[in-house]
Amino acid sequence: MASKPTYDSEIAFQSDRRKAAVELIKIISDLWYDFSIELVLFRNQLMDRNVSEILKLHEYAGEFVNKPISIFDSVEMAQAIKLLNLPASKLDIGKLTFEYHKEAPNHSISAFLSKKLKAAKQQPKLKPKRCGTLWIWTYWALGSTRTDGEIWKRQSITTSSHRNPR
């Protein structure tokens, strides 16, 4: 009978993790469809992933950086990103969470992100360009960090139009 509280607490913890993963999936979708912001976790795509895949990616991320990255930290980071007014971009919340715990664990996540992503707010708004029947969408992605600051790379994706040729 001594293991019953441990069992119950573990079940409650797993339930909380799954609820947090569902919340993260909703925030990822909102950011993608409403703000054109793509979130990745150490270069692993998070869009169109289910709860168990998100949790497995967090376990892998913990092994990758030798410091566990909690699903709860990712949810907090994603919520803070959603509140910022950022242009279309691709952000690695695994890298941002790791840097937050390394550089500023005593500060708020919002303050850390505002400082870290201030260069993104200064980037010009990008508009799609039409090239024949193709649309070229451009967005900003955070590149590798240098000693003199962040590097924002301009990246593009191409999509075809859905109009019927006449």
C-alpha atoms as a PDB file:
ATOM      1  CA  MET A   1       0.000   0.000   0.000  1.00  0.00           C
ATOM      2  CA  ALA A   2       2.991   2.342   0.381  1.00  0.00           C
ATOM      3  CA  SER A   3       3.379   2.594  -3.409  1.00  0.00           C
ATOM      4  CA  LYS A   4      -0.213   3.802  -3.970  1.00  0.00           C
ATOM      5  CA  PRO A   5       0.511   7.541  -3.434  1.00  0.00           C
ATOM      6  CA  THR A   6       3.515   7.257  -5.762  1.00  0.00           C
ATOM      7  CA  TYR A   7       1.401   5.513  -8.382  1.00  0.00           C
ATOM      8  CA  ASP A   8      -1.381   8.082  -8.089  1.00  0.00           C
ATOM      9  CA  SER A   9       1.031  10.998  -8.241  1.00  0.00           C
ATOM     10  CA  GLU A  10       2.741   9.521 -11.312  1.00  0.00           C
ATOM     11  CA  ILE A  11      -0.615   9.073 -13.070  1.00  0.00           C
ATOM     12  CA  ALA A  12      -1.533  12.677 -12.241  1.00  0.00           C
ATOM     13  CA  PHE A  13       1.855  13.894 -13.533  1.00  0.00           C
ATOM     14  CA  GLN A  14       1.483  11.980 -16.816  1.00  0.00           C
ATOM     15  CA  SER A  15      -2.006  13.412 -17.223  1.00  0.00           C
ATOM     16  CA  ASP A  16      -0.663  16.940 -16.657  1.00  0.00           C
ATOM     17  CA  ARG A  17       2.099  16.343 -19.236  1.00  0.00           C
ATOM     18  CA  ARG A  18      -0.456  15.219 -21.823  1.00  0.00           C
ATOM     19  CA  LYS A  19      -2.690  18.232 -21.113  1.00  0.00           C
ATOM     20  CA  ALA A  20       0.328  20.516 -21.509  1.00  0.00           C
ATOM     21  CA  ALA A  21       1.175  18.844 -24.838  1.00  0.00           C
ATOM     22  CA  VAL A  22      -2.392  19.448 -26.056  1.00  0.00           C
ATOM     23  CA  GLU A  23      -2.090  23.097 -25.029  1.00  0.00           C
ATOM     24  CA  LEU A  24       1.266  23.366 -26.837  1.00  0.00           C
ATOM     25  CA  ILE A  25      -0.261  21.892 -29.999  1.00  0.00           C
ATOM     26  CA  LYS A  26      -3.014  24.530 -29.884  1.00  0.00           C
ATOM     27  CA  ILE A  27      -0.502  27.365 -29.424  1.00  0.00           C
ATOM     28  CA  ILE A  28       1.693  25.995 -32.242  1.00  0.00           C
ATOM     29  CA  SER A  29      -1.334  25.947 -34.561  1.00  0.00           C
ATOM     30  CA  ASP A  30      -2.416  29.454 -33.521  1.00  0.00           C
ATOM     31  CA  LEU A  31       1.070  30.833 -34.122  1.00  0.00           C
ATOM     32  CA  TRP A  32       1.342  29.128 -37.502  1.00  0.00           C
ATOM     33  CA  TYR A  33      -2.082  30.049 -38.890  1.00  0.00           C
ATOM     34  CA  ASP A  34      -2.573  33.466 -37.283  1.00  0.00           C
ATOM     35  CA  PHE A  35       0.967  34.901 -37.170  1.00  0.00           C
ATOM     36  CA  SER A  36       2.986  32.764 -39.662  1.00  0.00           C
ATOM     37  CA  ILE A  37       5.383  31.776 -36.892  1.00  0.00           C
ATOM     38  CA  GLU A  38       6.694  28.223 -37.030  1.00  0.00           C
ATOM     39  CA  LEU A  39       7.968  26.643 -33.829  1.00  0.00           C
ATOM     40  CA  VAL A  40      10.519  23.830 -33.930  1.00  0.00           C
ATOM     41  CA  LEU A  41      12.258  21.872 -31.173  1.00  0.00           C
ATOM     42  CA  PHE A  42      15.968  21.491 -31.943  1.00  0.00           C
ATOM     43  CA  ARG A  43      15.210  21.560 -35.684  1.00  0.00           C
ATOM     44  CA  ASN A  44      12.391  19.021 -35.354  1.00  0.00           C
ATOM     45  CA  GLN A  45       9.099  20.217 -36.776  1.00  0.00           C
ATOM     46  CA  LEU A  46       6.271  20.495 -34.240  1.00  0.00           C
ATOM     47  CA  MET A  47       3.428  21.276 -36.622  1.00  0.00           C
ATOM     48  CA  ASP A  48       1.093  18.347 -37.358  1.00  0.00           C
ATOM     49  CA  ARG A  49       2.447  16.227 -34.497  1.00  0.00           C
ATOM     50  CA  ASN A  50       0.293  14.382 -31.990  1.00  0.00           C
ATOM     51  CA  VAL A  51       0.632  14.372 -28.200  1.00  0.00           C
ATOM     52  CA  SER A  52       2.871  11.315 -27.922  1.00  0.00           C
ATOM     53  CA  GLU A  53       5.201  12.586 -30.678  1.00  0.00           C
ATOM     54  CA  ILE A  54       5.538  15.959 -28.923  1.00  0.00           C
ATOM     55  CA  LEU A  55       6.383  14.219 -25.636  1.00  0.00           C
ATOM     56  CA  LYS A  56       8.920  11.926 -27.371  1.00  0.00           C
ATOM     57  CA  LEU A  57      10.558  14.952 -28.998  1.00  0.00           C
ATOM     58  CA  HIS A  58      10.918  16.537 -25.555  1.00  0.00           C
ATOM     59  CA  GLU A  59      12.551  13.364 -24.224  1.00  0.00           C
ATOM     60  CA  TYR A  60      14.912  13.356 -27.202  1.00  0.00           C
ATOM     61  CA  ALA A  61      15.657  17.048 -26.650  1.00  0.00           C
ATOM     62  CA  GLY A  62      16.586  16.319 -23.032  1.00  0.00           C
ATOM     63  CA  GLU A  63      19.071  13.695 -24.205  1.00  0.00           C
ATOM     64  CA  PHE A  64      20.342  15.984 -26.971  1.00  0.00           C
ATOM     65  CA  VAL A  65      21.387  18.855 -24.680  1.00  0.00           C
ATOM     66  CA  ASN A  66      21.983  16.715 -21.591  1.00  0.00           C
ATOM     67  CA  LYS A  67      19.497  18.851 -19.712  1.00  0.00           C
ATOM     68  CA  PRO A  68      15.839  17.900 -19.659  1.00  0.00           C
ATOM     69  CA  ILE A  69      13.536  20.336 -21.401  1.00  0.00           C
ATOM     70  CA  SER A  70      10.117  20.088 -19.849  1.00  0.00           C
ATOM     71  CA  ILE A  71       6.892  20.250 -21.810  1.00  0.00           C
ATOM     72  CA  PHE A  72       5.734  22.804 -19.245  1.00  0.00           C
ATOM     73  CA  ASP A  73       8.711  25.067 -20.099  1.00  0.00           C
ATOM     74  CA  SER A  74       7.862  24.769 -23.795  1.00  0.00           C
ATOM     75  CA  VAL A  75       4.249  25.771 -23.155  1.00  0.00           C
ATOM     76  CA  GLU A  76       5.382  28.841 -21.182  1.00  0.00           C
ATOM     77  CA  MET A  77       7.854  29.757 -23.935  1.00  0.00           C
ATOM     78  CA  ALA A  78       5.213  29.344 -26.667  1.00  0.00           C
ATOM     79  CA  GLN A  79       2.681  31.435 -24.711  1.00  0.00           C
ATOM     80  CA  ALA A  80       5.237  34.221 -24.305  1.00  0.00           C
ATOM     81  CA  ILE A  81       6.104  34.082 -28.029  1.00  0.00           C
ATOM     82  CA  LYS A  82       2.407  34.360 -28.857  1.00  0.00           C
ATOM     83  CA  LEU A  83       2.168  37.584 -26.827  1.00  0.00           C
ATOM     84  CA  LEU A  84       5.104  39.189 -28.658  1.00  0.00           C
ATOM     85  CA  ASN A  85       4.368  41.025 -31.888  1.00  0.00           C
ATOM     86  CA  LEU A  86       6.825  39.184 -34.131  1.00  0.00           C
ATOM     87  CA  PRO A  87       6.947  39.076 -37.924  1.00  0.00           C
ATOM     88  CA  ALA A  88       6.649  35.775 -39.786  1.00  0.00           C
ATOM     89  CA  SER A  89       9.511  33.623 -38.504  1.00  0.00           C
ATOM     90  CA  LYS A  90      10.783  30.182 -37.571  1.00  0.00           C
ATOM     91  CA  LEU A  91      11.816  29.865 -33.918  1.00  0.00           C
ATOM     92  CA  ASP A  92      13.491  26.983 -32.109  1.00  0.00           C
ATOM     93  CA  ILE A  93      11.837  26.803 -28.696  1.00  0.00           C
ATOM     94  CA  GLY A  94      14.250  24.058 -27.636  1.00  0.00           C
ATOM     95  CA  LYS A  95      17.215  26.353 -28.200  1.00  0.00           C
ATOM     96  CA  LEU A  96      15.428  29.310 -26.620  1.00  0.00           C
ATOM     97  CA  THR A  97      14.420  27.267 -23.546  1.00  0.00           C
ATOM     98  CA  PHE A  98      17.943  25.904 -23.121  1.00  0.00           C
ATOM     99  CA  GLU A  99      19.419  29.420 -23.395  1.00  0.00           C
ATOM    100  CA  TYR A 100      16.819  30.758 -20.961  1.00  0.00           C
ATOM    101  CA  HIS A 101      17.785  28.200 -18.292  1.00  0.00           C
ATOM    102  CA  LYS A 102      21.467  28.831 -18.980  1.00  0.00           C
ATOM    103  CA  GLU A 103      21.456  32.653 -19.117  1.00  0.00           C
ATOM    104  CA  ALA A 104      18.485  34.025 -17.196  1.00  0.00           C
ATOM    105  CA  PRO A 105      16.662  31.469 -15.038  1.00  0.00           C
ATOM    106  CA  ASN A 106      15.738  34.125 -12.463  1.00  0.00           C
ATOM    107  CA  HIS A 107      14.111  36.479 -14.981  1.00  0.00           C
ATOM    108  CA  SER A 108      10.694  36.180 -16.564  1.00  0.00           C
ATOM    109  CA  ILE A 109      10.408  34.336 -19.859  1.00  0.00           C
ATOM    110  CA  SER A 110       8.752  37.379 -21.438  1.00  0.00           C
ATOM    111  CA  ALA A 111      11.687  39.636 -20.516  1.00  0.00           C
ATOM    112  CA  PHE A 112      14.182  37.066 -21.798  1.00  0.00           C
ATOM    113  CA  LEU A 113      12.350  36.670 -25.118  1.00  0.00           C
ATOM    114  CA  SER A 114      11.926  40.417 -25.575  1.00  0.00           C
ATOM    115  CA  LYS A 115      15.669  40.855 -25.173  1.00  0.00           C
ATOM    116  CA  LYS A 116      16.591  37.817 -27.269  1.00  0.00           C
ATOM    117  CA  LEU A 117      14.197  38.511 -30.133  1.00  0.00           C
ATOM    118  CA  LYS A 118      14.387  42.304 -30.239  1.00  0.00           C
ATOM    119  CA  ALA A 119      16.167  42.166 -33.611  1.00  0.00           C
ATOM    120  CA  ALA A 120      13.195  40.296 -35.086  1.00  0.00           C
ATOM    121  CA  LYS A 121      10.868  43.197 -34.365  1.00  0.00           C
ATOM    122  CA  GLN A 122      13.152  45.500 -36.359  1.00  0.00           C
ATOM    123  CA  GLN A 123      12.944  43.364 -39.504  1.00  0.00           C
ATOM    124  CA  PRO A 124      10.746  44.749 -42.282  1.00  0.00           C
ATOM    125  CA  LYS A 125       7.365  43.133 -42.922  1.00  0.00           C
ATOM    126  CA  LEU A 126       7.607  40.797 -45.889  1.00  0.00           C
ATOM    127  CA  LYS A 127       4.935  40.340 -48.510  1.00  0.00           C
ATOM    128  CA  PRO A 128       4.452  37.418 -50.877  1.00  0.00           C
ATOM    129  CA  LYS A 129       5.578  37.866 -54.478  1.00  0.00           C
ATOM    130  CA  ARG A 130       3.870  36.313 -57.439  1.00  0.00           C
ATOM    131  CA  CYS A 131       6.009  34.633 -60.068  1.00  0.00           C
ATOM    132  CA  GLY A 132       3.767  33.271 -62.826  1.00  0.00           C
ATOM    133  CA  THR A 133       1.469  30.762 -61.157  1.00  0.00           C
ATOM    134  CA  LEU A 134       3.690  30.476 -58.086  1.00  0.00           C
ATOM    135  CA  TRP A 135       3.656  32.490 -54.896  1.00  0.00           C
ATOM    136  CA  ILE A 136       6.937  33.043 -53.075  1.00  0.00           C
ATOM    137  CA  TRP A 137       6.535  33.507 -49.319  1.00  0.00           C
ATOM    138  CA  THR A 138       9.467  34.918 -47.416  1.00  0.00           C
ATOM    139  CA  TYR A 139      10.016  34.782 -43.658  1.00  0.00           C
ATOM    140  CA  TRP A 140      12.786  35.373 -41.149  1.00  0.00           C
ATOM    141  CA  ALA A 141      14.520  32.531 -39.303  1.00  0.00           C
ATOM    142  CA  LEU A 142      16.905  32.856 -36.400  1.00  0.00           C
ATOM    143  CA  GLY A 143      20.303  31.595 -37.506  1.00  0.00           C
ATOM    144  CA  SER A 144      23.304  30.696 -35.435  1.00  0.00           C
ATOM    145  CA  THR A 145      24.291  33.045 -32.655  1.00  0.00           C
ATOM    146  CA  ARG A 146      27.560  34.914 -32.940  1.00  0.00           C
ATOM    147  CA  THR A 147      29.441  36.870 -30.316  1.00  0.00           C
ATOM    148  CA  ASP A 148      28.135  40.120 -31.814  1.00  0.00           C
ATOM    149  CA  GLY A 149      24.476  39.084 -31.718  1.00  0.00           C
ATOM    150  CA  GLU A 150      21.908  37.066 -33.580  1.00  0.00           C
ATOM    151  CA  ILE A 151      21.814  36.531 -37.307  1.00  0.00           C
ATOM    152  CA  TRP A 152      18.425  36.600 -38.972  1.00  0.00           C
ATOM    153  CA  LYS A 153      18.358  34.747 -42.275  1.00  0.00           C
ATOM    154  CA  ARG A 154      15.796  35.428 -44.942  1.00  0.00           C
ATOM    155  CA  GLN A 155      14.234  32.183 -46.163  1.00  0.00           C
ATOM    156  CA  SER A 156      11.589  31.512 -48.786  1.00  0.00           C
ATOM    157  CA  ILE A 157       9.048  28.859 -49.618  1.00  0.00           C
ATOM    158  CA  THR A 158       7.164  28.541 -52.883  1.00  0.00           C
ATOM    159  CA  THR A 159       3.549  27.467 -53.291  1.00  0.00           C
ATOM    160  CA  SER A 160       1.436  27.074 -56.406  1.00  0.00           C
ATOM    161  CA  SER A 161      -1.808  28.949 -56.880  1.00  0.00           C
ATOM    162  CA  HIS A 162      -5.073  27.041 -56.815  1.00  0.00           C
ATOM    163  CA  ARG A 163      -6.610  28.797 -59.824  1.00  0.00           C
ATOM    164  CA  ASN A 164      -7.678  26.805 -62.838  1.00  0.00           C
ATOM    165  CA  PRO A 165      -5.832  27.789 -66.034  1.00  0.00           C
ATOM    166  CA  ARG A 166      -8.145  29.093 -68.785  1.00  0.00           C
END
